[in-house]
Amino acid sequence: MKQPAVKKPTESPSRSNVEMDDVGTPPQLAVPVARQPIEMALAEETNRQSFWKIIETIRWRNVSDGEIDEELVARKLGRLRGDMRGVFLRTYHMFYERLSELMRGYGIDPSDVVVSHVIGLGRTAFETISTSESLILFMAENGECRDLHQLVMRYT
């Protein structure tokens, strides 16, 4: 029995020098699209690392650990320019929303003071406190928090 002939598509003049993959996408277009989520994830991780480095420089601490230098905080935040300012604010708001949502899930009313204070304590404290309902409750109820949020809003 004779096999039916397979008709090859005709080449269009605009694609004559471009190889196509199985679905008709030129490989040079398919690769960046496939890498885009990885590149975005790497960029976001870099942004988070930059954010936490900035947070470390402001030396935020609990009320019982003594005073903070608000002028230092104002200088550090006020010096952020251009892309870094945008990265800082986007990342701050991302962590702010994440912790606020966790607090609501625990039945705790998130306040600017508590949420921003936990962020200000740095990455390790943020990750530790945000996974513990009792630690969040302790921070909220024991007067250990300072208002980083108002400084972020004023100086960035």
C-alpha atoms as a PDB file:
ATOM      1  CA  MET A   1       0.000   0.000   0.000  1.00  0.00           C
ATOM      2  CA  LYS A   2       1.292   3.383  -0.968  1.00  0.00           C
ATOM      3  CA  GLN A   3       1.877   6.004   1.803  1.00  0.00           C
ATOM      4  CA  PRO A   4       0.177   9.377   1.295  1.00  0.00           C
ATOM      5  CA  ALA A   5       2.575  12.083   0.278  1.00  0.00           C
ATOM      6  CA  VAL A   6       3.400  14.684   2.883  1.00  0.00           C
ATOM      7  CA  LYS A   7       3.249  18.146   1.449  1.00  0.00           C
ATOM      8  CA  LYS A   8       6.042  20.410   2.660  1.00  0.00           C
ATOM      9  CA  PRO A   9       5.029  23.961   3.458  1.00  0.00           C
ATOM     10  CA  THR A  10       6.343  26.527   1.102  1.00  0.00           C
ATOM     11  CA  GLU A  11       8.846  28.966   2.480  1.00  0.00           C
ATOM     12  CA  SER A  12       7.820  32.542   2.758  1.00  0.00           C
ATOM     13  CA  PRO A  13      10.452  34.996   1.567  1.00  0.00           C
ATOM     14  CA  SER A  14      10.647  36.728   4.980  1.00  0.00           C
ATOM     15  CA  ARG A  15      11.552  33.461   6.746  1.00  0.00           C
ATOM     16  CA  SER A  16      13.846  31.963   4.148  1.00  0.00           C
ATOM     17  CA  ASN A  17      16.976  32.188   6.325  1.00  0.00           C
ATOM     18  CA  VAL A  18      15.382  31.282   9.680  1.00  0.00           C
ATOM     19  CA  GLU A  19      15.066  27.730  10.972  1.00  0.00           C
ATOM     20  CA  MET A  20      11.777  27.011  12.703  1.00  0.00           C
ATOM     21  CA  ASP A  21      11.133  24.740  15.674  1.00  0.00           C
ATOM     22  CA  ASP A  22       8.289  22.198  15.887  1.00  0.00           C
ATOM     23  CA  VAL A  23       5.630  24.829  16.505  1.00  0.00           C
ATOM     24  CA  GLY A  24       6.892  27.331  13.989  1.00  0.00           C
ATOM     25  CA  THR A  25       8.664  29.686  16.371  1.00  0.00           C
ATOM     26  CA  PRO A  26      12.087  30.922  15.337  1.00  0.00           C
ATOM     27  CA  PRO A  27      14.581  29.642  17.958  1.00  0.00           C
ATOM     28  CA  GLN A  28      16.041  33.079  18.641  1.00  0.00           C
ATOM     29  CA  LEU A  29      12.573  34.210  19.762  1.00  0.00           C
ATOM     30  CA  ALA A  30      11.772  31.108  21.806  1.00  0.00           C
ATOM     31  CA  VAL A  31      14.917  31.178  23.978  1.00  0.00           C
ATOM     32  CA  PRO A  32      14.439  34.605  25.620  1.00  0.00           C
ATOM     33  CA  VAL A  33      10.783  33.851  26.353  1.00  0.00           C
ATOM     34  CA  ALA A  34      11.766  30.556  27.976  1.00  0.00           C
ATOM     35  CA  ARG A  35      14.466  32.275  30.066  1.00  0.00           C
ATOM     36  CA  GLN A  36      12.337  35.237  31.049  1.00  0.00           C
ATOM     37  CA  PRO A  37      10.882  33.717  34.271  1.00  0.00           C
ATOM     38  CA  ILE A  38      14.367  32.640  35.389  1.00  0.00           C
ATOM     39  CA  GLU A  39      15.834  36.066  34.661  1.00  0.00           C
ATOM     40  CA  MET A  40      12.928  37.744  36.441  1.00  0.00           C
ATOM     41  CA  ALA A  41      13.404  35.492  39.480  1.00  0.00           C
ATOM     42  CA  LEU A  42      17.122  36.295  39.559  1.00  0.00           C
ATOM     43  CA  ALA A  43      16.399  40.018  39.269  1.00  0.00           C
ATOM     44  CA  GLU A  44      13.874  39.809  42.102  1.00  0.00           C
ATOM     45  CA  GLU A  45      16.342  37.950  44.319  1.00  0.00           C
ATOM     46  CA  THR A  46      18.973  40.591  43.564  1.00  0.00           C
ATOM     47  CA  ASN A  47      16.438  43.299  44.458  1.00  0.00           C
ATOM     48  CA  ARG A  48      15.629  41.565  47.750  1.00  0.00           C
ATOM     49  CA  GLN A  49      19.329  41.259  48.605  1.00  0.00           C
ATOM     50  CA  SER A  50      19.882  44.950  47.824  1.00  0.00           C
ATOM     51  CA  PHE A  51      16.855  45.862  49.946  1.00  0.00           C
ATOM     52  CA  TRP A  52      18.093  43.887  52.958  1.00  0.00           C
ATOM     53  CA  LYS A  53      21.575  45.433  52.641  1.00  0.00           C
ATOM     54  CA  ILE A  54      20.024  48.904  52.818  1.00  0.00           C
ATOM     55  CA  ILE A  55      17.919  47.869  55.815  1.00  0.00           C
ATOM     56  CA  GLU A  56      21.076  46.626  57.596  1.00  0.00           C
ATOM     57  CA  THR A  57      22.719  50.041  57.200  1.00  0.00           C
ATOM     58  CA  ILE A  58      20.010  51.877  59.132  1.00  0.00           C
ATOM     59  CA  ARG A  59      20.702  49.860  62.313  1.00  0.00           C
ATOM     60  CA  TRP A  60      17.063  49.514  63.377  1.00  0.00           C
ATOM     61  CA  ARG A  61      16.380  47.965  66.779  1.00  0.00           C
ATOM     62  CA  ASN A  62      13.776  47.308  69.436  1.00  0.00           C
ATOM     63  CA  VAL A  63      12.793  50.083  71.858  1.00  0.00           C
ATOM     64  CA  SER A  64      14.400  48.217  74.777  1.00  0.00           C
ATOM     65  CA  ASP A  65      17.711  48.102  72.892  1.00  0.00           C
ATOM     66  CA  GLY A  66      18.107  51.882  73.035  1.00  0.00           C
ATOM     67  CA  GLU A  67      17.632  54.841  70.762  1.00  0.00           C
ATOM     68  CA  ILE A  68      18.046  54.820  67.014  1.00  0.00           C
ATOM     69  CA  ASP A  69      19.639  57.570  65.007  1.00  0.00           C
ATOM     70  CA  GLU A  70      16.724  58.939  62.984  1.00  0.00           C
ATOM     71  CA  GLU A  71      19.082  61.299  61.177  1.00  0.00           C
ATOM     72  CA  LEU A  72      21.096  58.288  59.990  1.00  0.00           C
ATOM     73  CA  VAL A  73      17.912  56.617  58.777  1.00  0.00           C
ATOM     74  CA  ALA A  74      16.825  59.808  57.013  1.00  0.00           C
ATOM     75  CA  ARG A  75      20.244  60.163  55.330  1.00  0.00           C
ATOM     76  CA  LYS A  76      20.350  56.528  54.179  1.00  0.00           C
ATOM     77  CA  LEU A  77      16.815  56.602  52.802  1.00  0.00           C
ATOM     78  CA  GLY A  78      17.152  60.102  51.389  1.00  0.00           C
ATOM     79  CA  ARG A  79      20.228  59.126  49.377  1.00  0.00           C
ATOM     80  CA  LEU A  80      18.367  56.464  47.425  1.00  0.00           C
ATOM     81  CA  ARG A  81      18.026  57.626  43.833  1.00  0.00           C
ATOM     82  CA  GLY A  82      16.600  56.390  40.575  1.00  0.00           C
ATOM     83  CA  ASP A  83      16.300  52.660  40.150  1.00  0.00           C
ATOM     84  CA  MET A  84      17.540  51.862  43.660  1.00  0.00           C
ATOM     85  CA  ARG A  85      14.841  54.039  45.190  1.00  0.00           C
ATOM     86  CA  GLY A  86      12.213  52.209  43.123  1.00  0.00           C
ATOM     87  CA  VAL A  87      13.658  48.808  44.040  1.00  0.00           C
ATOM     88  CA  PHE A  88      13.687  49.732  47.721  1.00  0.00           C
ATOM     89  CA  LEU A  89      10.083  50.983  47.731  1.00  0.00           C
ATOM     90  CA  ARG A  90       8.701  48.057  45.694  1.00  0.00           C
ATOM     91  CA  THR A  91      10.490  45.533  47.883  1.00  0.00           C
ATOM     92  CA  TYR A  92       9.487  47.312  51.096  1.00  0.00           C
ATOM     93  CA  HIS A  93       5.829  47.282  50.040  1.00  0.00           C
ATOM     94  CA  MET A  94       6.051  43.631  48.986  1.00  0.00           C
ATOM     95  CA  PHE A  95       7.348  42.600  52.428  1.00  0.00           C
ATOM     96  CA  TYR A  96       4.915  44.997  54.112  1.00  0.00           C
ATOM     97  CA  GLU A  97       1.949  43.375  52.349  1.00  0.00           C
ATOM     98  CA  ARG A  98       3.254  39.858  52.965  1.00  0.00           C
ATOM     99  CA  LEU A  99       3.603  40.412  56.723  1.00  0.00           C
ATOM    100  CA  SER A 100       0.293  42.282  56.941  1.00  0.00           C
ATOM    101  CA  GLU A 101      -1.454  39.349  55.279  1.00  0.00           C
ATOM    102  CA  LEU A 102       0.196  36.872  57.648  1.00  0.00           C
ATOM    103  CA  MET A 103      -0.885  38.948  60.632  1.00  0.00           C
ATOM    104  CA  ARG A 104      -4.472  39.061  59.390  1.00  0.00           C
ATOM    105  CA  GLY A 105      -4.299  35.285  58.957  1.00  0.00           C
ATOM    106  CA  TYR A 106      -3.270  34.986  62.606  1.00  0.00           C
ATOM    107  CA  GLY A 107      -6.163  37.247  63.606  1.00  0.00           C
ATOM    108  CA  ILE A 108      -3.828  40.138  64.491  1.00  0.00           C
ATOM    109  CA  ASP A 109      -4.620  43.614  63.202  1.00  0.00           C
ATOM    110  CA  PRO A 110      -1.527  44.743  61.286  1.00  0.00           C
ATOM    111  CA  SER A 111      -0.352  48.231  62.171  1.00  0.00           C
ATOM    112  CA  ASP A 112       2.189  50.335  60.275  1.00  0.00           C
ATOM    113  CA  VAL A 113       4.376  50.431  63.359  1.00  0.00           C
ATOM    114  CA  VAL A 114       4.554  46.666  63.967  1.00  0.00           C
ATOM    115  CA  VAL A 115       4.857  45.663  60.302  1.00  0.00           C
ATOM    116  CA  SER A 116       7.515  48.251  59.455  1.00  0.00           C
ATOM    117  CA  HIS A 117       9.424  47.557  62.676  1.00  0.00           C
ATOM    118  CA  VAL A 118       9.712  43.847  61.910  1.00  0.00           C
ATOM    119  CA  ILE A 119      10.960  44.696  58.401  1.00  0.00           C
ATOM    120  CA  GLY A 120      13.440  47.187  59.880  1.00  0.00           C
ATOM    121  CA  LEU A 121      14.963  44.515  62.109  1.00  0.00           C
ATOM    122  CA  GLY A 122      16.391  42.844  58.991  1.00  0.00           C
ATOM    123  CA  ARG A 123      16.048  39.705  56.956  1.00  0.00           C
ATOM    124  CA  THR A 124      16.759  37.119  59.648  1.00  0.00           C
ATOM    125  CA  ALA A 125      14.385  38.731  62.153  1.00  0.00           C
ATOM    126  CA  PHE A 126      11.723  39.216  59.475  1.00  0.00           C
ATOM    127  CA  GLU A 127      11.898  35.580  58.403  1.00  0.00           C
ATOM    128  CA  THR A 128      11.895  34.326  62.008  1.00  0.00           C
ATOM    129  CA  ILE A 129       9.163  36.593  63.354  1.00  0.00           C
ATOM    130  CA  SER A 130       6.879  36.262  60.325  1.00  0.00           C
ATOM    131  CA  THR A 131       6.715  32.483  60.773  1.00  0.00           C
ATOM    132  CA  SER A 132       5.609  32.679  64.384  1.00  0.00           C
ATOM    133  CA  GLU A 133       2.214  33.909  65.509  1.00  0.00           C
ATOM    134  CA  SER A 134       3.470  34.190  69.099  1.00  0.00           C
ATOM    135  CA  LEU A 135       6.469  36.336  68.110  1.00  0.00           C
ATOM    136  CA  ILE A 136       4.293  38.662  66.027  1.00  0.00           C
ATOM    137  CA  LEU A 137       1.847  38.938  68.917  1.00  0.00           C
ATOM    138  CA  PHE A 138       4.730  39.623  71.314  1.00  0.00           C
ATOM    139  CA  MET A 139       6.027  42.419  69.062  1.00  0.00           C
ATOM    140  CA  ALA A 140       2.544  43.901  68.722  1.00  0.00           C
ATOM    141  CA  GLU A 141       1.683  43.828  72.427  1.00  0.00           C
ATOM    142  CA  ASN A 142       4.909  44.633  74.266  1.00  0.00           C
ATOM    143  CA  GLY A 143       5.848  48.121  73.108  1.00  0.00           C
ATOM    144  CA  GLU A 144       9.052  47.000  71.373  1.00  0.00           C
ATOM    145  CA  CYS A 145       8.211  48.550  68.002  1.00  0.00           C
ATOM    146  CA  ARG A 146       9.278  51.792  66.368  1.00  0.00           C
ATOM    147  CA  ASP A 147       7.636  53.352  63.323  1.00  0.00           C
ATOM    148  CA  LEU A 148       9.912  52.798  60.345  1.00  0.00           C
ATOM    149  CA  HIS A 149       6.964  53.228  57.982  1.00  0.00           C
ATOM    150  CA  GLN A 150       6.640  56.976  58.550  1.00  0.00           C
ATOM    151  CA  LEU A 151      10.379  57.421  57.901  1.00  0.00           C
ATOM    152  CA  VAL A 152      10.222  55.371  54.692  1.00  0.00           C
ATOM    153  CA  MET A 153       7.269  57.409  53.462  1.00  0.00           C
ATOM    154  CA  ARG A 154       8.884  60.723  54.413  1.00  0.00           C
ATOM    155  CA  TYR A 155      12.396  60.176  53.044  1.00  0.00           C
ATOM    156  CA  THR A 156      11.987  57.991  49.945  1.00  0.00           C
END
